[in-house]
Amino acid sequence: MRRTGHEDSNDSVQPRRYRSLFLSDLHLGTKGAQAEALLEFLKHHDAETIYLVGDIVDGWRLRSGWYWPQSHNDVVQKLLRKARKGARIVYVPGNHDEFLRDFYGTHFGGIEVCETALHQAADSKRYLVIHGDAFDMVISHVKWLAYLGDWAYEIALAISTRINWVRRKLGFTYWSLSAWAKLKVKNAVNFIGRFEETLAAEAARHGVDGVICGHIHSAAQRDFDGLIYINTGDWVESCTAVVEHEDGRMEIIHWPAFSQTLNAGRSLAMLPQQRAA
């Protein structure tokens, strides 16, 4: 198998190791997928167990037109490589990669495909791991409207790309039109609130301590009367993931901010060398 440039350069990097890592909504196969950022994240983060919480590959978009650049293939190869090196990888399909729902209980290259998963953290808390689209009434009952919404989302991402090209030239950081709309549009805010409450109730129905999901591209960690709701976010707009520390503590990592801190640390580390030179 051909080794990619990314994998060759990753060998010298010592990643931060966690007990578990949760990723969702990568949307590989779309122009909006932040594959390069994800590769950098995976280079610096490793875990005993990695959960892929749905919408990893965007089958909806690939059906309408093939788009699969090398960086998207590199992400898949990077995950497979982690599996070969001993990580347990559990794939819980979402609505965009629903074609994998015909393969529950099977393994692909060491990756387990499951309808849902039950994760027991180091602090003994139990979490239901589920994508969450089953609790989105539009996805469940009005699929044509979901496709229409997906098309509108693609337009918003395309506009964001053009806006951010200008912002980069001016030295500003990434800004997402669709993420801004979620925070500002009342119906979107209400939808997110209802979704969070519904998923917390699903955790209660399963008799567990919390739920870890994706789907709505809105990273969050909330407490609903003792039930823990965690959303991993996405790798289209926010570039976020959830990690479990060795003591069971869950943390949302916002990669753009984390990466900025990492780069600043590298620059500071170089200063003594520059002075010595």
C-alpha atoms as a PDB file:
ATOM      1  CA  MET A   1       0.000   0.000   0.000  1.00  0.00           C
ATOM      2  CA  ARG A   2       1.344   3.410  -0.938  1.00  0.00           C
ATOM      3  CA  ARG A   3       2.301   5.535   2.057  1.00  0.00           C
ATOM      4  CA  THR A   4       1.081   9.092   1.871  1.00  0.00           C
ATOM      5  CA  GLY A   5       3.152  12.154   2.613  1.00  0.00           C
ATOM      6  CA  HIS A   6       1.011  12.759   5.689  1.00  0.00           C
ATOM      7  CA  GLU A   7       1.777   9.346   7.161  1.00  0.00           C
ATOM      8  CA  ASP A   8       5.503   9.674   6.467  1.00  0.00           C
ATOM      9  CA  SER A   9       5.707  13.001   8.287  1.00  0.00           C
ATOM     10  CA  ASN A  10       3.551  11.789  11.193  1.00  0.00           C
ATOM     11  CA  ASP A  11       6.001   9.144  12.380  1.00  0.00           C
ATOM     12  CA  SER A  12       8.154  11.668  14.272  1.00  0.00           C
ATOM     13  CA  VAL A  13       5.214  13.244  16.111  1.00  0.00           C
ATOM     14  CA  GLN A  14       4.373  12.002  19.603  1.00  0.00           C
ATOM     15  CA  PRO A  15       0.569  12.355  19.859  1.00  0.00           C
ATOM     16  CA  ARG A  16      -1.374  13.109  23.041  1.00  0.00           C
ATOM     17  CA  ARG A  17      -2.945   9.847  24.126  1.00  0.00           C
ATOM     18  CA  TYR A  18      -6.465   9.577  25.535  1.00  0.00           C
ATOM     19  CA  ARG A  19      -8.628   6.740  26.743  1.00  0.00           C
ATOM     20  CA  SER A  20     -11.294   7.442  24.079  1.00  0.00           C
ATOM     21  CA  LEU A  21     -11.824   9.767  21.133  1.00  0.00           C
ATOM     22  CA  PHE A  22     -15.190  10.650  19.568  1.00  0.00           C
ATOM     23  CA  LEU A  23     -15.467  12.112  16.047  1.00  0.00           C
ATOM     24  CA  SER A  24     -18.532  12.743  13.912  1.00  0.00           C
ATOM     25  CA  ASP A  25     -19.733  14.582  10.828  1.00  0.00           C
ATOM     26  CA  LEU A  26     -16.501  14.552   8.846  1.00  0.00           C
ATOM     27  CA  HIS A  27     -18.522  14.569   5.598  1.00  0.00           C
ATOM     28  CA  LEU A  28     -15.693  13.144   3.518  1.00  0.00           C
ATOM     29  CA  GLY A  29     -16.668  13.347  -0.134  1.00  0.00           C
ATOM     30  CA  THR A  30     -17.780  16.987   0.074  1.00  0.00           C
ATOM     31  CA  LYS A  31     -15.883  20.185  -0.649  1.00  0.00           C
ATOM     32  CA  GLY A  32     -16.769  21.472   2.816  1.00  0.00           C
ATOM     33  CA  ALA A  33     -14.901  18.688   4.658  1.00  0.00           C
ATOM     34  CA  GLN A  34     -11.902  20.047   6.570  1.00  0.00           C
ATOM     35  CA  ALA A  35      -9.756  17.005   5.811  1.00  0.00           C
ATOM     36  CA  GLU A  36      -6.388  18.752   6.122  1.00  0.00           C
ATOM     37  CA  ALA A  37      -7.288  20.075   9.574  1.00  0.00           C
ATOM     38  CA  LEU A  38      -8.519  16.625  10.605  1.00  0.00           C
ATOM     39  CA  LEU A  39      -5.263  15.010   9.485  1.00  0.00           C
ATOM     40  CA  GLU A  40      -3.338  17.461  11.666  1.00  0.00           C
ATOM     41  CA  PHE A  41      -5.661  16.689  14.576  1.00  0.00           C
ATOM     42  CA  LEU A  42      -5.213  12.924  14.158  1.00  0.00           C
ATOM     43  CA  LYS A  43      -1.454  13.411  14.023  1.00  0.00           C
ATOM     44  CA  HIS A  44      -1.524  15.000  17.481  1.00  0.00           C
ATOM     45  CA  HIS A  45      -4.258  12.873  19.121  1.00  0.00           C
ATOM     46  CA  ASP A  46      -4.514   9.147  19.714  1.00  0.00           C
ATOM     47  CA  ALA A  47      -6.748   6.899  21.826  1.00  0.00           C
ATOM     48  CA  GLU A  48      -7.307   3.307  22.887  1.00  0.00           C
ATOM     49  CA  THR A  49     -10.842   3.470  21.445  1.00  0.00           C
ATOM     50  CA  ILE A  50     -12.028   5.738  18.636  1.00  0.00           C
ATOM     51  CA  TYR A  51     -15.749   6.180  17.995  1.00  0.00           C
ATOM     52  CA  LEU A  52     -16.843   7.424  14.561  1.00  0.00           C
ATOM     53  CA  VAL A  53     -20.271   8.817  15.404  1.00  0.00           C
ATOM     54  CA  GLY A  54     -21.842   9.024  11.954  1.00  0.00           C
ATOM     55  CA  ASP A  55     -21.713  11.063   8.740  1.00  0.00           C
ATOM     56  CA  ILE A  56     -18.070  10.143   8.255  1.00  0.00           C
ATOM     57  CA  VAL A  57     -18.501   9.634   4.499  1.00  0.00           C
ATOM     58  CA  ASP A  58     -21.192  11.706   2.787  1.00  0.00           C
ATOM     59  CA  GLY A  59     -23.058   9.202   0.611  1.00  0.00           C
ATOM     60  CA  TRP A  60     -25.771  11.772  -0.223  1.00  0.00           C
ATOM     61  CA  ARG A  61     -23.242  14.086  -1.876  1.00  0.00           C
ATOM     62  CA  LEU A  62     -21.242  11.320  -3.548  1.00  0.00           C
ATOM     63  CA  ARG A  63     -24.396  10.001  -5.220  1.00  0.00           C
ATOM     64  CA  SER A  64     -24.944  13.337  -6.957  1.00  0.00           C
ATOM     65  CA  GLY A  65     -21.315  13.790  -8.026  1.00  0.00           C
ATOM     66  CA  TRP A  66     -17.997  12.132  -7.204  1.00  0.00           C
ATOM     67  CA  TYR A  67     -15.569  14.225  -5.172  1.00  0.00           C
ATOM     68  CA  TRP A  68     -12.755  12.412  -3.384  1.00  0.00           C
ATOM     69  CA  PRO A  69      -9.418  14.282  -3.222  1.00  0.00           C
ATOM     70  CA  GLN A  70      -6.233  12.717  -1.845  1.00  0.00           C
ATOM     71  CA  SER A  71      -6.645  14.369   1.566  1.00  0.00           C
ATOM     72  CA  HIS A  72      -9.970  12.536   2.080  1.00  0.00           C
ATOM     73  CA  ASN A  73      -8.302   9.251   1.216  1.00  0.00           C
ATOM     74  CA  ASP A  74      -5.478  10.146   3.632  1.00  0.00           C
ATOM     75  CA  VAL A  75      -8.012  10.514   6.479  1.00  0.00           C
ATOM     76  CA  VAL A  76      -9.389   7.016   5.801  1.00  0.00           C
ATOM     77  CA  GLN A  77      -5.871   5.576   5.605  1.00  0.00           C
ATOM     78  CA  LYS A  78      -4.879   7.347   8.821  1.00  0.00           C
ATOM     79  CA  LEU A  79      -7.830   5.814  10.692  1.00  0.00           C
ATOM     80  CA  LEU A  80      -7.101   2.360   9.268  1.00  0.00           C
ATOM     81  CA  ARG A  81      -3.481   2.763  10.308  1.00  0.00           C
ATOM     82  CA  LYS A  82      -4.559   3.551  13.881  1.00  0.00           C
ATOM     83  CA  ALA A  83      -6.649   0.358  13.835  1.00  0.00           C
ATOM     84  CA  ARG A  84      -3.648  -1.653  12.629  1.00  0.00           C
ATOM     85  CA  LYS A  85      -1.584  -0.193  15.468  1.00  0.00           C
ATOM     86  CA  GLY A  86      -4.075  -1.489  18.041  1.00  0.00           C
ATOM     87  CA  ALA A  87      -6.812   1.125  18.447  1.00  0.00           C
ATOM     88  CA  ARG A  88     -10.347  -0.202  18.674  1.00  0.00           C
ATOM     89  CA  ILE A  89     -12.477   1.736  16.158  1.00  0.00           C
ATOM     90  CA  VAL A  90     -16.280   1.665  16.377  1.00  0.00           C
ATOM     91  CA  TYR A  91     -18.313   3.155  13.506  1.00  0.00           C
ATOM     92  CA  VAL A  92     -21.918   4.184  14.261  1.00  0.00           C
ATOM     93  CA  PRO A  93     -23.387   5.278  10.881  1.00  0.00           C
ATOM     94  CA  GLY A  94     -25.502   8.419  10.469  1.00  0.00           C
ATOM     95  CA  ASN A  95     -28.000   9.525   7.851  1.00  0.00           C
ATOM     96  CA  HIS A  96     -25.387  10.623   5.291  1.00  0.00           C
ATOM     97  CA  ASP A  97     -23.582   7.264   5.482  1.00  0.00           C
ATOM     98  CA  GLU A  98     -26.754   5.223   5.967  1.00  0.00           C
ATOM     99  CA  PHE A  99     -25.591   2.744   3.290  1.00  0.00           C
ATOM    100  CA  LEU A 100     -23.442   1.214   6.067  1.00  0.00           C
ATOM    101  CA  ARG A 101     -26.537   0.398   8.111  1.00  0.00           C
ATOM    102  CA  ASP A 102     -26.839  -2.787   6.061  1.00  0.00           C
ATOM    103  CA  PHE A 103     -23.554  -3.972   7.614  1.00  0.00           C
ATOM    104  CA  TYR A 104     -24.204  -3.867  11.354  1.00  0.00           C
ATOM    105  CA  GLY A 105     -22.070  -6.419  13.160  1.00  0.00           C
ATOM    106  CA  THR A 106     -19.389  -6.588  10.478  1.00  0.00           C
ATOM    107  CA  HIS A 107     -15.765  -5.406  10.424  1.00  0.00           C
ATOM    108  CA  PHE A 108     -13.963  -3.450   7.701  1.00  0.00           C
ATOM    109  CA  GLY A 109     -10.187  -3.277   8.098  1.00  0.00           C
ATOM    110  CA  GLY A 110     -10.540  -3.637  11.850  1.00  0.00           C
ATOM    111  CA  ILE A 111     -13.395  -1.101  12.105  1.00  0.00           C
ATOM    112  CA  GLU A 112     -16.587  -2.374  13.793  1.00  0.00           C
ATOM    113  CA  VAL A 113     -19.923  -1.175  12.368  1.00  0.00           C
ATOM    114  CA  CYS A 114     -22.668  -0.869  15.023  1.00  0.00           C
ATOM    115  CA  GLU A 115     -26.160   0.622  15.188  1.00  0.00           C
ATOM    116  CA  THR A 116     -25.376   2.149  18.591  1.00  0.00           C
ATOM    117  CA  ALA A 117     -22.642   1.629  21.159  1.00  0.00           C
ATOM    118  CA  LEU A 118     -22.501   1.631  24.932  1.00  0.00           C
ATOM    119  CA  HIS A 119     -19.356   3.264  26.263  1.00  0.00           C
ATOM    120  CA  GLN A 120     -18.268   2.842  29.867  1.00  0.00           C
ATOM    121  CA  ALA A 121     -15.911   5.612  30.931  1.00  0.00           C
ATOM    122  CA  ALA A 122     -13.064   5.237  33.428  1.00  0.00           C
ATOM    123  CA  ASP A 123     -15.206   6.862  36.134  1.00  0.00           C
ATOM    124  CA  SER A 124     -17.860   4.129  35.592  1.00  0.00           C
ATOM    125  CA  LYS A 125     -20.313   6.493  33.847  1.00  0.00           C
ATOM    126  CA  ARG A 126     -22.089   4.813  30.933  1.00  0.00           C
ATOM    127  CA  TYR A 127     -22.856   6.629  27.697  1.00  0.00           C
ATOM    128  CA  LEU A 128     -25.120   5.758  24.800  1.00  0.00           C
ATOM    129  CA  VAL A 129     -23.205   6.523  21.579  1.00  0.00           C
ATOM    130  CA  ILE A 130     -25.573   7.332  18.714  1.00  0.00           C
ATOM    131  CA  HIS A 131     -25.526   9.636  15.695  1.00  0.00           C
ATOM    132  CA  GLY A 132     -28.890  11.226  16.530  1.00  0.00           C
ATOM    133  CA  ASP A 133     -30.629  11.563  13.152  1.00  0.00           C
ATOM    134  CA  ALA A 134     -33.412   9.223  14.306  1.00  0.00           C
ATOM    135  CA  PHE A 135     -34.536  12.024  16.661  1.00  0.00           C
ATOM    136  CA  ASP A 136     -34.632  14.672  13.927  1.00  0.00           C
ATOM    137  CA  MET A 137     -38.254  14.732  12.741  1.00  0.00           C
ATOM    138  CA  VAL A 138     -37.318  16.203   9.346  1.00  0.00           C
ATOM    139  CA  ILE A 139     -34.827  13.401   8.658  1.00  0.00           C
ATOM    140  CA  SER A 140     -37.218  10.731   9.942  1.00  0.00           C
ATOM    141  CA  HIS A 141     -40.443  11.832   8.269  1.00  0.00           C
ATOM    142  CA  VAL A 142     -39.808  14.386   5.481  1.00  0.00           C
ATOM    143  CA  LYS A 143     -36.685  13.147   3.724  1.00  0.00           C
ATOM    144  CA  TRP A 144     -37.100  15.350   0.636  1.00  0.00           C
ATOM    145  CA  LEU A 145     -37.002  18.384   2.937  1.00  0.00           C
ATOM    146  CA  ALA A 146     -33.811  17.020   4.521  1.00  0.00           C
ATOM    147  CA  TYR A 147     -32.229  16.818   1.047  1.00  0.00           C
ATOM    148  CA  LEU A 148     -33.357  20.391   0.365  1.00  0.00           C
ATOM    149  CA  GLY A 149     -31.822  21.502   3.656  1.00  0.00           C
ATOM    150  CA  ASP A 150     -28.594  19.722   2.746  1.00  0.00           C
ATOM    151  CA  TRP A 151     -28.498  21.635  -0.557  1.00  0.00           C
ATOM    152  CA  ALA A 152     -29.046  24.955   1.260  1.00  0.00           C
ATOM    153  CA  TYR A 153     -26.296  24.020   3.711  1.00  0.00           C
ATOM    154  CA  GLU A 154     -23.884  23.434   0.818  1.00  0.00           C
ATOM    155  CA  ILE A 155     -24.685  26.912  -0.509  1.00  0.00           C
ATOM    156  CA  ALA A 156     -23.990  28.428   2.923  1.00  0.00           C
ATOM    157  CA  LEU A 157     -20.645  26.601   3.044  1.00  0.00           C
ATOM    158  CA  ALA A 158     -19.744  27.851  -0.436  1.00  0.00           C
ATOM    159  CA  ILE A 159     -20.502  31.432   0.648  1.00  0.00           C
ATOM    160  CA  SER A 160     -18.447  30.884   3.820  1.00  0.00           C
ATOM    161  CA  THR A 161     -15.503  29.699   1.694  1.00  0.00           C
ATOM    162  CA  ARG A 162     -15.504  32.930  -0.310  1.00  0.00           C
ATOM    163  CA  ILE A 163     -15.903  35.085   2.800  1.00  0.00           C
ATOM    164  CA  ASN A 164     -13.050  33.267   4.519  1.00  0.00           C
ATOM    165  CA  TRP A 165     -10.747  33.679   1.524  1.00  0.00           C
ATOM    166  CA  VAL A 166     -11.069  37.441   2.039  1.00  0.00           C
ATOM    167  CA  ARG A 167     -10.743  37.092   5.841  1.00  0.00           C
ATOM    168  CA  ARG A 168      -7.502  35.118   5.479  1.00  0.00           C
ATOM    169  CA  LYS A 169      -6.072  37.821   3.221  1.00  0.00           C
ATOM    170  CA  LEU A 170      -6.893  40.374   5.934  1.00  0.00           C
ATOM    171  CA  GLY A 171      -5.395  38.218   8.676  1.00  0.00           C
ATOM    172  CA  PHE A 172      -8.676  37.189  10.333  1.00  0.00           C
ATOM    173  CA  THR A 173      -9.612  33.705  11.585  1.00  0.00           C
ATOM    174  CA  TYR A 174     -12.207  31.322  10.092  1.00  0.00           C
ATOM    175  CA  TRP A 175     -15.867  32.377  10.348  1.00  0.00           C
ATOM    176  CA  SER A 176     -18.845  30.136   9.539  1.00  0.00           C
ATOM    177  CA  LEU A 177     -22.047  31.578   8.083  1.00  0.00           C
ATOM    178  CA  SER A 178     -24.073  28.461   8.923  1.00  0.00           C
ATOM    179  CA  ALA A 179     -22.729  28.307  12.497  1.00  0.00           C
ATOM    180  CA  TRP A 180     -23.581  31.993  12.948  1.00  0.00           C
ATOM    181  CA  ALA A 181     -27.109  31.356  11.649  1.00  0.00           C
ATOM    182  CA  LYS A 182     -27.586  28.505  14.147  1.00  0.00           C
ATOM    183  CA  LEU A 183     -26.803  30.865  16.997  1.00  0.00           C
ATOM    184  CA  LYS A 184     -28.882  33.773  15.690  1.00  0.00           C
ATOM    185  CA  VAL A 185     -31.949  32.280  14.017  1.00  0.00           C
ATOM    186  CA  LYS A 186     -34.618  31.569  16.626  1.00  0.00           C
ATOM    187  CA  ASN A 187     -35.968  28.418  14.949  1.00  0.00           C
ATOM    188  CA  ALA A 188     -32.466  26.942  14.716  1.00  0.00           C
ATOM    189  CA  VAL A 189     -31.766  27.699  18.384  1.00  0.00           C
ATOM    190  CA  ASN A 190     -35.093  26.126  19.381  1.00  0.00           C
ATOM    191  CA  PHE A 191     -34.381  23.044  17.241  1.00  0.00           C
ATOM    192  CA  ILE A 192     -30.980  22.524  18.885  1.00  0.00           C
ATOM    193  CA  GLY A 193     -32.528  22.888  22.339  1.00  0.00           C
ATOM    194  CA  ARG A 194     -35.247  20.335  21.595  1.00  0.00           C
ATOM    195  CA  PHE A 195     -32.714  17.948  20.053  1.00  0.00           C
ATOM    196  CA  GLU A 196     -30.503  18.096  23.149  1.00  0.00           C
ATOM    197  CA  GLU A 197     -33.426  17.480  25.497  1.00  0.00           C
ATOM    198  CA  THR A 198     -34.707  14.580  23.377  1.00  0.00           C
ATOM    199  CA  LEU A 199     -31.298  12.873  23.292  1.00  0.00           C
ATOM    200  CA  ALA A 200     -30.900  13.308  27.063  1.00  0.00           C
ATOM    201  CA  ALA A 201     -34.322  11.652  27.482  1.00  0.00           C
ATOM    202  CA  GLU A 202     -33.153   8.781  25.247  1.00  0.00           C
ATOM    203  CA  ALA A 203     -30.197   8.267  27.591  1.00  0.00           C
ATOM    204  CA  ALA A 204     -32.649   8.038  30.504  1.00  0.00           C
ATOM    205  CA  ARG A 205     -34.729   5.502  28.552  1.00  0.00           C
ATOM    206  CA  HIS A 206     -31.641   3.307  28.166  1.00  0.00           C
ATOM    207  CA  GLY A 207     -30.813   3.608  31.866  1.00  0.00           C
ATOM    208  CA  VAL A 208     -27.395   5.166  31.255  1.00  0.00           C
ATOM    209  CA  ASP A 209     -25.689   8.295  32.567  1.00  0.00           C
ATOM    210  CA  GLY A 210     -25.453  10.201  29.319  1.00  0.00           C
ATOM    211  CA  VAL A 211     -25.412  10.307  25.542  1.00  0.00           C
ATOM    212  CA  ILE A 212     -22.664  11.124  23.029  1.00  0.00           C
ATOM    213  CA  CYS A 213     -23.959  12.074  19.588  1.00  0.00           C
ATOM    214  CA  GLY A 214     -23.389  14.201  16.493  1.00  0.00           C
ATOM    215  CA  HIS A 215     -25.715  15.124  13.614  1.00  0.00           C
ATOM    216  CA  ILE A 216     -26.483  18.812  14.302  1.00  0.00           C
ATOM    217  CA  HIS A 217     -22.898  20.144  13.932  1.00  0.00           C
ATOM    218  CA  SER A 218     -23.087  21.911  17.272  1.00  0.00           C
ATOM    219  CA  ALA A 219     -20.532  20.796  19.879  1.00  0.00           C
ATOM    220  CA  ALA A 220     -21.840  20.943  23.440  1.00  0.00           C
ATOM    221  CA  GLN A 221     -21.607  19.357  26.859  1.00  0.00           C
ATOM    222  CA  ARG A 222     -24.651  19.892  29.074  1.00  0.00           C
ATOM    223  CA  ASP A 223     -26.325  18.466  32.138  1.00  0.00           C
ATOM    224  CA  PHE A 224     -30.066  17.752  32.030  1.00  0.00           C
ATOM    225  CA  ASP A 225     -31.097  16.873  35.584  1.00  0.00           C
ATOM    226  CA  GLY A 226     -28.113  14.587  36.041  1.00  0.00           C
ATOM    227  CA  LEU A 227     -28.122  13.228  32.475  1.00  0.00           C
ATOM    228  CA  ILE A 228     -25.051  14.215  30.465  1.00  0.00           C
ATOM    229  CA  TYR A 229     -25.535  15.365  26.870  1.00  0.00           C
ATOM    230  CA  ILE A 230     -22.386  15.565  24.741  1.00  0.00           C
ATOM    231  CA  ASN A 231     -22.277  16.486  21.063  1.00  0.00           C
ATOM    232  CA  THR A 232     -19.006  16.002  19.197  1.00  0.00           C
ATOM    233  CA  GLY A 233     -19.636  18.837  16.715  1.00  0.00           C
ATOM    234  CA  ASP A 234     -18.235  18.421  13.205  1.00  0.00           C
ATOM    235  CA  TRP A 235     -15.302  18.766  10.795  1.00  0.00           C
ATOM    236  CA  VAL A 236     -16.999  21.059   8.306  1.00  0.00           C
ATOM    237  CA  GLU A 237     -17.578  24.239  10.309  1.00  0.00           C
ATOM    238  CA  SER A 238     -16.164  24.025  13.827  1.00  0.00           C
ATOM    239  CA  CYS A 239     -13.525  21.238  13.693  1.00  0.00           C
ATOM    240  CA  THR A 240     -14.298  19.795  17.126  1.00  0.00           C
ATOM    241  CA  ALA A 241     -13.934  16.412  18.806  1.00  0.00           C
ATOM    242  CA  VAL A 242     -14.576  14.897  22.219  1.00  0.00           C
ATOM    243  CA  VAL A 243     -11.867  13.112  24.198  1.00  0.00           C
ATOM    244  CA  GLU A 244     -12.061  11.029  27.359  1.00  0.00           C
ATOM    245  CA  HIS A 245      -9.148  11.482  29.749  1.00  0.00           C
ATOM    246  CA  GLU A 246      -7.730   8.575  31.760  1.00  0.00           C
ATOM    247  CA  ASP A 247      -9.883   9.548  34.768  1.00  0.00           C
ATOM    248  CA  GLY A 248     -13.108   9.486  32.708  1.00  0.00           C
ATOM    249  CA  ARG A 249     -13.380  13.262  32.308  1.00  0.00           C
ATOM    250  CA  MET A 250     -14.892  14.256  28.962  1.00  0.00           C
ATOM    251  CA  GLU A 251     -13.580  17.310  27.107  1.00  0.00           C
ATOM    252  CA  ILE A 252     -14.521  19.041  23.862  1.00  0.00           C
ATOM    253  CA  ILE A 253     -11.441  19.989  21.848  1.00  0.00           C
ATOM    254  CA  HIS A 254     -11.825  22.889  19.441  1.00  0.00           C
ATOM    255  CA  TRP A 255      -8.975  22.158  17.031  1.00  0.00           C
ATOM    256  CA  PRO A 256      -8.505  25.680  15.532  1.00  0.00           C
ATOM    257  CA  ALA A 257      -7.960  27.162  19.023  1.00  0.00           C
ATOM    258  CA  PHE A 258      -5.890  24.156  20.166  1.00  0.00           C
ATOM    259  CA  SER A 259      -3.773  24.338  17.009  1.00  0.00           C
ATOM    260  CA  GLN A 260      -3.178  28.052  17.539  1.00  0.00           C
ATOM    261  CA  THR A 261      -1.940  27.385  21.093  1.00  0.00           C
ATOM    262  CA  LEU A 262       0.234  24.526  19.834  1.00  0.00           C
ATOM    263  CA  ASN A 263       1.838  26.707  17.164  1.00  0.00           C
ATOM    264  CA  ALA A 264       2.396  29.519  19.670  1.00  0.00           C
ATOM    265  CA  GLY A 265       4.157  27.040  21.976  1.00  0.00           C
ATOM    266  CA  ARG A 266       6.391  25.910  19.126  1.00  0.00           C
ATOM    267  CA  SER A 267       7.309  29.511  18.322  1.00  0.00           C
ATOM    268  CA  LEU A 268       8.240  30.165  21.973  1.00  0.00           C
ATOM    269  CA  ALA A 269      10.299  26.976  22.082  1.00  0.00           C
ATOM    270  CA  MET A 270      12.281  28.197  19.078  1.00  0.00           C
ATOM    271  CA  LEU A 271      13.214  31.532  20.727  1.00  0.00           C
ATOM    272  CA  PRO A 272      16.178  30.238  22.804  1.00  0.00           C
ATOM    273  CA  GLN A 273      17.589  28.555  19.694  1.00  0.00           C
ATOM    274  CA  GLN A 274      17.220  31.760  17.705  1.00  0.00           C
ATOM    275  CA  ARG A 275      18.968  33.760  20.448  1.00  0.00           C
ATOM    276  CA  ALA A 276      21.761  31.183  20.596  1.00  0.00           C
ATOM    277  CA  ALA A 277      22.180  31.420  16.840  1.00  0.00           C
END
